[in-house]
């Protein structure tokens, strides 16, 4: 159970309601990667309930996430490989659970997903996907990117794509920290990938 009380839409302040409406009424509300944006307690699922507790920050953070996820320029599979790499690094169960579903929809193979979960470098035939994995893994490992890796990733993604990828890795690290710090649970009946060894 999450360490934060669920803020139900009916009980939210006007500022909290703005965040809830932005999340539920935006691209996430139209996406089908979650069965519901509400958890069993009636609050927003995933990291979103935490952000409702600080609506001034929550509005900014959720807006960045929506831009990266739904209006970014990275290919969908490359984006999801980077997100899964972050989720695996921090063992962020909800992030992993949600983005395995999205990743599969974007064409990420189960073999790739399993390799990332185990902390192994997947061998990807798509150079942009490999660049997304390699650069994200390097940042998560040392906080730096060596020149040859940078050049290879730049060749595949361009300067703007690299800026987006680095921002994506940082954003989903924020999501992972939010999920882990507030002990956000998976929906009832779902298995934990890292705790249960799925």
C-alpha atoms as a PDB file:
ATOM      1  CA  UNK A   1       0.000   0.000   0.000  1.00  0.00           C
ATOM      2  CA  UNK A   2       1.289   3.439  -0.835  1.00  0.00           C
ATOM      3  CA  UNK A   3       2.744   5.555   1.934  1.00  0.00           C
ATOM      4  CA  UNK A   4       0.669   8.526   0.754  1.00  0.00           C
ATOM      5  CA  UNK A   5      -3.059   8.800   1.263  1.00  0.00           C
ATOM      6  CA  UNK A   6      -5.085   8.541  -1.909  1.00  0.00           C
ATOM      7  CA  UNK A   7      -6.541  11.851  -3.028  1.00  0.00           C
ATOM      8  CA  UNK A   8      -9.842  10.982  -4.636  1.00  0.00           C
ATOM      9  CA  UNK A   9     -11.127  13.334  -7.324  1.00  0.00           C
ATOM     10  CA  UNK A  10     -14.257  14.125  -5.281  1.00  0.00           C
ATOM     11  CA  UNK A  11     -12.115  15.155  -2.278  1.00  0.00           C
ATOM     12  CA  UNK A  12      -9.469  17.158  -4.160  1.00  0.00           C
ATOM     13  CA  UNK A  13      -8.889  20.886  -3.788  1.00  0.00           C
ATOM     14  CA  UNK A  14      -9.289  22.979  -6.920  1.00  0.00           C
ATOM     15  CA  UNK A  15      -5.517  22.961  -7.511  1.00  0.00           C
ATOM     16  CA  UNK A  16      -5.367  19.191  -7.010  1.00  0.00           C
ATOM     17  CA  UNK A  17      -8.346  18.762  -9.310  1.00  0.00           C
ATOM     18  CA  UNK A  18      -6.482  20.634 -12.067  1.00  0.00           C
ATOM     19  CA  UNK A  19      -3.675  18.076 -11.905  1.00  0.00           C
ATOM     20  CA  UNK A  20      -6.121  15.163 -11.861  1.00  0.00           C
ATOM     21  CA  UNK A  21      -8.020  16.609 -14.826  1.00  0.00           C
ATOM     22  CA  UNK A  22      -4.795  17.269 -16.767  1.00  0.00           C
ATOM     23  CA  UNK A  23      -3.719  13.659 -16.302  1.00  0.00           C
ATOM     24  CA  UNK A  24      -7.098  11.991 -16.832  1.00  0.00           C
ATOM     25  CA  UNK A  25      -8.191  14.352 -19.596  1.00  0.00           C
ATOM     26  CA  UNK A  26      -4.877  14.416 -21.457  1.00  0.00           C
ATOM     27  CA  UNK A  27      -3.133  11.845 -23.596  1.00  0.00           C
ATOM     28  CA  UNK A  28      -2.773   9.467 -20.635  1.00  0.00           C
ATOM     29  CA  UNK A  29      -6.537   9.327 -20.275  1.00  0.00           C
ATOM     30  CA  UNK A  30      -6.839   8.237 -23.909  1.00  0.00           C
ATOM     31  CA  UNK A  31      -3.975   5.731 -23.632  1.00  0.00           C
ATOM     32  CA  UNK A  32      -4.771   2.135 -22.781  1.00  0.00           C
ATOM     33  CA  UNK A  33      -1.522   1.055 -21.123  1.00  0.00           C
ATOM     34  CA  UNK A  34      -3.287   1.127 -17.743  1.00  0.00           C
ATOM     35  CA  UNK A  35      -6.662  -0.516 -17.251  1.00  0.00           C
ATOM     36  CA  UNK A  36      -7.621   2.501 -15.164  1.00  0.00           C
ATOM     37  CA  UNK A  37      -5.908   5.690 -14.082  1.00  0.00           C
ATOM     38  CA  UNK A  38      -7.436   5.153 -10.624  1.00  0.00           C
ATOM     39  CA  UNK A  39      -6.098   2.649  -8.108  1.00  0.00           C
ATOM     40  CA  UNK A  40      -8.132   0.471  -5.743  1.00  0.00           C
ATOM     41  CA  UNK A  41      -8.250   3.326  -3.194  1.00  0.00           C
ATOM     42  CA  UNK A  42      -9.784   5.761  -5.683  1.00  0.00           C
ATOM     43  CA  UNK A  43      -6.675   7.923  -6.145  1.00  0.00           C
ATOM     44  CA  UNK A  44      -4.577   8.205  -9.277  1.00  0.00           C
ATOM     45  CA  UNK A  45      -2.454   5.136  -9.967  1.00  0.00           C
ATOM     46  CA  UNK A  46       1.312   5.079 -10.341  1.00  0.00           C
ATOM     47  CA  UNK A  47       3.288   8.218  -9.527  1.00  0.00           C
ATOM     48  CA  UNK A  48       0.371  10.536 -10.201  1.00  0.00           C
ATOM     49  CA  UNK A  49      -1.228  10.431  -6.744  1.00  0.00           C
ATOM     50  CA  UNK A  50       2.046  11.686  -5.238  1.00  0.00           C
ATOM     51  CA  UNK A  51       2.084  14.643  -7.601  1.00  0.00           C
ATOM     52  CA  UNK A  52      -1.475  15.560  -6.643  1.00  0.00           C
ATOM     53  CA  UNK A  53      -0.159  16.106  -3.091  1.00  0.00           C
ATOM     54  CA  UNK A  54       1.942  18.998  -4.475  1.00  0.00           C
ATOM     55  CA  UNK A  55      -0.170  20.270  -7.365  1.00  0.00           C
ATOM     56  CA  UNK A  56       2.192  23.136  -8.208  1.00  0.00           C
ATOM     57  CA  UNK A  57       4.971  20.627  -8.885  1.00  0.00           C
ATOM     58  CA  UNK A  58       2.632  17.937 -10.132  1.00  0.00           C
ATOM     59  CA  UNK A  59       1.299  20.053 -12.966  1.00  0.00           C
ATOM     60  CA  UNK A  60       4.798  20.791 -14.256  1.00  0.00           C
ATOM     61  CA  UNK A  61       6.051  17.220 -13.853  1.00  0.00           C
ATOM     62  CA  UNK A  62       3.039  15.572 -15.470  1.00  0.00           C
ATOM     63  CA  UNK A  63       3.228  18.028 -18.373  1.00  0.00           C
ATOM     64  CA  UNK A  64       6.832  17.102 -19.064  1.00  0.00           C
ATOM     65  CA  UNK A  65       5.964  13.416 -18.924  1.00  0.00           C
ATOM     66  CA  UNK A  66       3.074  13.812 -21.322  1.00  0.00           C
ATOM     67  CA  UNK A  67       5.260  15.747 -23.765  1.00  0.00           C
ATOM     68  CA  UNK A  68       8.009  13.096 -23.673  1.00  0.00           C
ATOM     69  CA  UNK A  69       5.704  10.107 -23.862  1.00  0.00           C
ATOM     70  CA  UNK A  70       3.075  11.264 -26.329  1.00  0.00           C
ATOM     71  CA  UNK A  71       4.657  14.097 -28.303  1.00  0.00           C
ATOM     72  CA  UNK A  72       8.329  13.161 -28.417  1.00  0.00           C
ATOM     73  CA  UNK A  73      10.329  12.490 -31.540  1.00  0.00           C
ATOM     74  CA  UNK A  74      12.099   9.286 -30.479  1.00  0.00           C
ATOM     75  CA  UNK A  75      10.787   6.105 -32.101  1.00  0.00           C
ATOM     76  CA  UNK A  76       8.340   4.386 -29.755  1.00  0.00           C
ATOM     77  CA  UNK A  77      10.396   1.240 -29.244  1.00  0.00           C
ATOM     78  CA  UNK A  78      13.577   3.254 -28.543  1.00  0.00           C
ATOM     79  CA  UNK A  79      11.675   5.389 -26.030  1.00  0.00           C
ATOM     80  CA  UNK A  80      10.286   2.343 -24.243  1.00  0.00           C
ATOM     81  CA  UNK A  81      13.656   0.574 -24.183  1.00  0.00           C
ATOM     82  CA  UNK A  82      15.115   3.618 -22.433  1.00  0.00           C
ATOM     83  CA  UNK A  83      12.222   3.744 -19.941  1.00  0.00           C
ATOM     84  CA  UNK A  84      12.526   0.024 -19.209  1.00  0.00           C
ATOM     85  CA  UNK A  85      16.257   0.445 -18.679  1.00  0.00           C
ATOM     86  CA  UNK A  86      15.555   3.108 -16.057  1.00  0.00           C
ATOM     87  CA  UNK A  87      12.822   1.011 -14.441  1.00  0.00           C
ATOM     88  CA  UNK A  88      15.105  -2.018 -14.200  1.00  0.00           C
ATOM     89  CA  UNK A  89      18.017  -0.017 -12.786  1.00  0.00           C
ATOM     90  CA  UNK A  90      15.894   1.346  -9.939  1.00  0.00           C
ATOM     91  CA  UNK A  91      13.676  -1.773  -9.669  1.00  0.00           C
ATOM     92  CA  UNK A  92      10.658   0.513  -9.907  1.00  0.00           C
ATOM     93  CA  UNK A  93       7.931  -2.090 -10.025  1.00  0.00           C
ATOM     94  CA  UNK A  94       5.037   0.066 -11.240  1.00  0.00           C
ATOM     95  CA  UNK A  95       7.156   1.770 -13.896  1.00  0.00           C
ATOM     96  CA  UNK A  96       8.371  -1.614 -15.110  1.00  0.00           C
ATOM     97  CA  UNK A  97       4.890  -3.156 -15.054  1.00  0.00           C
ATOM     98  CA  UNK A  98       3.298  -0.272 -16.986  1.00  0.00           C
ATOM     99  CA  UNK A  99       6.044   0.104 -19.571  1.00  0.00           C
ATOM    100  CA  UNK A 100       6.433  -3.596 -20.330  1.00  0.00           C
ATOM    101  CA  UNK A 101       2.858  -3.317 -21.604  1.00  0.00           C
ATOM    102  CA  UNK A 102       3.590  -0.167 -23.597  1.00  0.00           C
ATOM    103  CA  UNK A 103       6.894  -1.564 -24.863  1.00  0.00           C
ATOM    104  CA  UNK A 104       5.256  -4.679 -26.233  1.00  0.00           C
ATOM    105  CA  UNK A 105       2.702  -2.515 -27.997  1.00  0.00           C
ATOM    106  CA  UNK A 106       5.571  -0.522 -29.533  1.00  0.00           C
ATOM    107  CA  UNK A 107       7.227  -3.707 -30.787  1.00  0.00           C
ATOM    108  CA  UNK A 108       9.808  -4.389 -28.068  1.00  0.00           C
ATOM    109  CA  UNK A 109      10.357  -8.147 -27.936  1.00  0.00           C
ATOM    110  CA  UNK A 110      10.023 -10.242 -24.801  1.00  0.00           C
ATOM    111  CA  UNK A 111      13.650 -11.288 -25.304  1.00  0.00           C
ATOM    112  CA  UNK A 112      14.745  -7.644 -25.088  1.00  0.00           C
ATOM    113  CA  UNK A 113      12.492  -6.982 -22.106  1.00  0.00           C
ATOM    114  CA  UNK A 114      13.877 -10.017 -20.253  1.00  0.00           C
ATOM    115  CA  UNK A 115      17.491  -9.021 -20.965  1.00  0.00           C
ATOM    116  CA  UNK A 116      16.900  -5.508 -19.641  1.00  0.00           C
ATOM    117  CA  UNK A 117      15.192  -6.867 -16.508  1.00  0.00           C
ATOM    118  CA  UNK A 118      18.218  -9.066 -15.836  1.00  0.00           C
ATOM    119  CA  UNK A 119      20.568  -6.097 -16.293  1.00  0.00           C
ATOM    120  CA  UNK A 120      22.028  -7.494 -19.506  1.00  0.00           C
ATOM    121  CA  UNK A 121      22.719  -5.524 -22.665  1.00  0.00           C
ATOM    122  CA  UNK A 122      20.209  -6.562 -25.321  1.00  0.00           C
ATOM    123  CA  UNK A 123      21.457  -7.076 -28.861  1.00  0.00           C
ATOM    124  CA  UNK A 124      19.140  -4.951 -30.940  1.00  0.00           C
ATOM    125  CA  UNK A 125      18.972  -4.950 -34.721  1.00  0.00           C
ATOM    126  CA  UNK A 126      17.660  -1.379 -34.841  1.00  0.00           C
ATOM    127  CA  UNK A 127      20.557   1.091 -34.376  1.00  0.00           C
ATOM    128  CA  UNK A 128      18.338   3.780 -32.808  1.00  0.00           C
ATOM    129  CA  UNK A 129      17.039   1.305 -30.234  1.00  0.00           C
ATOM    130  CA  UNK A 130      20.573   0.127 -29.451  1.00  0.00           C
ATOM    131  CA  UNK A 131      21.720   3.739 -29.092  1.00  0.00           C
ATOM    132  CA  UNK A 132      18.808   4.470 -26.738  1.00  0.00           C
ATOM    133  CA  UNK A 133      19.691   1.494 -24.557  1.00  0.00           C
ATOM    134  CA  UNK A 134      23.448   2.095 -24.556  1.00  0.00           C
ATOM    135  CA  UNK A 135      23.282   5.799 -23.786  1.00  0.00           C
ATOM    136  CA  UNK A 136      20.655   5.339 -21.057  1.00  0.00           C
ATOM    137  CA  UNK A 137      22.618   2.488 -19.461  1.00  0.00           C
ATOM    138  CA  UNK A 138      25.789   4.586 -19.503  1.00  0.00           C
ATOM    139  CA  UNK A 139      24.058   7.501 -17.791  1.00  0.00           C
ATOM    140  CA  UNK A 140      22.559   5.204 -15.173  1.00  0.00           C
ATOM    141  CA  UNK A 141      25.908   3.517 -14.595  1.00  0.00           C
ATOM    142  CA  UNK A 142      28.285   6.459 -14.312  1.00  0.00           C
ATOM    143  CA  UNK A 143      26.310   9.618 -14.996  1.00  0.00           C
ATOM    144  CA  UNK A 144      28.481  10.173 -18.074  1.00  0.00           C
ATOM    145  CA  UNK A 145      28.684   9.200 -21.744  1.00  0.00           C
ATOM    146  CA  UNK A 146      32.050   8.463 -23.325  1.00  0.00           C
ATOM    147  CA  UNK A 147      32.860  10.160 -26.655  1.00  0.00           C
ATOM    148  CA  UNK A 148      32.532   7.092 -28.894  1.00  0.00           C
ATOM    149  CA  UNK A 149      29.133   6.184 -27.448  1.00  0.00           C
ATOM    150  CA  UNK A 150      28.005   9.798 -27.715  1.00  0.00           C
ATOM    151  CA  UNK A 151      29.042   9.972 -31.364  1.00  0.00           C
ATOM    152  CA  UNK A 152      27.310   6.688 -32.195  1.00  0.00           C
ATOM    153  CA  UNK A 153      24.091   7.774 -30.489  1.00  0.00           C
ATOM    154  CA  UNK A 154      24.241  11.205 -32.118  1.00  0.00           C
ATOM    155  CA  UNK A 155      24.550   9.598 -35.535  1.00  0.00           C
ATOM    156  CA  UNK A 156      21.342   7.633 -34.903  1.00  0.00           C
ATOM    157  CA  UNK A 157      19.267  10.176 -32.979  1.00  0.00           C
ATOM    158  CA  UNK A 158      20.649  13.605 -33.863  1.00  0.00           C
ATOM    159  CA  UNK A 159      21.262  16.408 -31.383  1.00  0.00           C
ATOM    160  CA  UNK A 160      17.580  16.965 -30.617  1.00  0.00           C
ATOM    161  CA  UNK A 161      17.028  13.247 -30.141  1.00  0.00           C
ATOM    162  CA  UNK A 162      19.920  13.074 -27.690  1.00  0.00           C
ATOM    163  CA  UNK A 163      18.501  15.959 -25.676  1.00  0.00           C
ATOM    164  CA  UNK A 164      15.146  14.197 -25.611  1.00  0.00           C
ATOM    165  CA  UNK A 165      16.712  10.869 -24.593  1.00  0.00           C
ATOM    166  CA  UNK A 166      18.711  12.388 -21.739  1.00  0.00           C
ATOM    167  CA  UNK A 167      15.602  14.263 -20.562  1.00  0.00           C
ATOM    168  CA  UNK A 168      13.575  11.041 -20.806  1.00  0.00           C
ATOM    169  CA  UNK A 169      16.114   9.128 -18.700  1.00  0.00           C
ATOM    170  CA  UNK A 170      16.088  11.868 -16.081  1.00  0.00           C
ATOM    171  CA  UNK A 171      12.304  12.138 -16.055  1.00  0.00           C
ATOM    172  CA  UNK A 172      11.757   8.405 -15.646  1.00  0.00           C
ATOM    173  CA  UNK A 173      14.380   8.332 -12.894  1.00  0.00           C
ATOM    174  CA  UNK A 174      12.196  10.931 -11.135  1.00  0.00           C
ATOM    175  CA  UNK A 175       9.193   8.658 -11.713  1.00  0.00           C
ATOM    176  CA  UNK A 176      11.115   5.657 -10.340  1.00  0.00           C
ATOM    177  CA  UNK A 177      12.192   7.567  -7.247  1.00  0.00           C
ATOM    178  CA  UNK A 178       8.609   8.734  -6.689  1.00  0.00           C
ATOM    179  CA  UNK A 179       7.263   5.186  -6.995  1.00  0.00           C
ATOM    180  CA  UNK A 180       9.950   3.711  -4.755  1.00  0.00           C
ATOM    181  CA  UNK A 181       9.949   6.415  -2.077  1.00  0.00           C
ATOM    182  CA  UNK A 182       6.177   6.255  -1.663  1.00  0.00           C
ATOM    183  CA  UNK A 183       6.015   2.456  -2.070  1.00  0.00           C
ATOM    184  CA  UNK A 184       3.419   2.566  -4.836  1.00  0.00           C
ATOM    185  CA  UNK A 185       1.781  -0.824  -5.265  1.00  0.00           C
ATOM    186  CA  UNK A 186       0.858  -2.622  -8.450  1.00  0.00           C
ATOM    187  CA  UNK A 187      -2.799  -3.243  -9.209  1.00  0.00           C
ATOM    188  CA  UNK A 188      -4.252  -6.175  -7.266  1.00  0.00           C
ATOM    189  CA  UNK A 189      -3.289  -9.544  -8.678  1.00  0.00           C
ATOM    190  CA  UNK A 190      -0.268  -8.340 -10.677  1.00  0.00           C
ATOM    191  CA  UNK A 191       3.159  -9.919 -10.090  1.00  0.00           C
ATOM    192  CA  UNK A 192       6.206  -7.914  -9.111  1.00  0.00           C
ATOM    193  CA  UNK A 193       9.057  -8.312 -11.589  1.00  0.00           C
ATOM    194  CA  UNK A 194      11.922  -7.724  -9.183  1.00  0.00           C
ATOM    195  CA  UNK A 195      10.453  -8.758  -5.844  1.00  0.00           C
ATOM    196  CA  UNK A 196       8.807 -11.905  -7.245  1.00  0.00           C
ATOM    197  CA  UNK A 197      11.499 -12.570  -9.852  1.00  0.00           C
ATOM    198  CA  UNK A 198       9.005 -12.713 -12.700  1.00  0.00           C
END
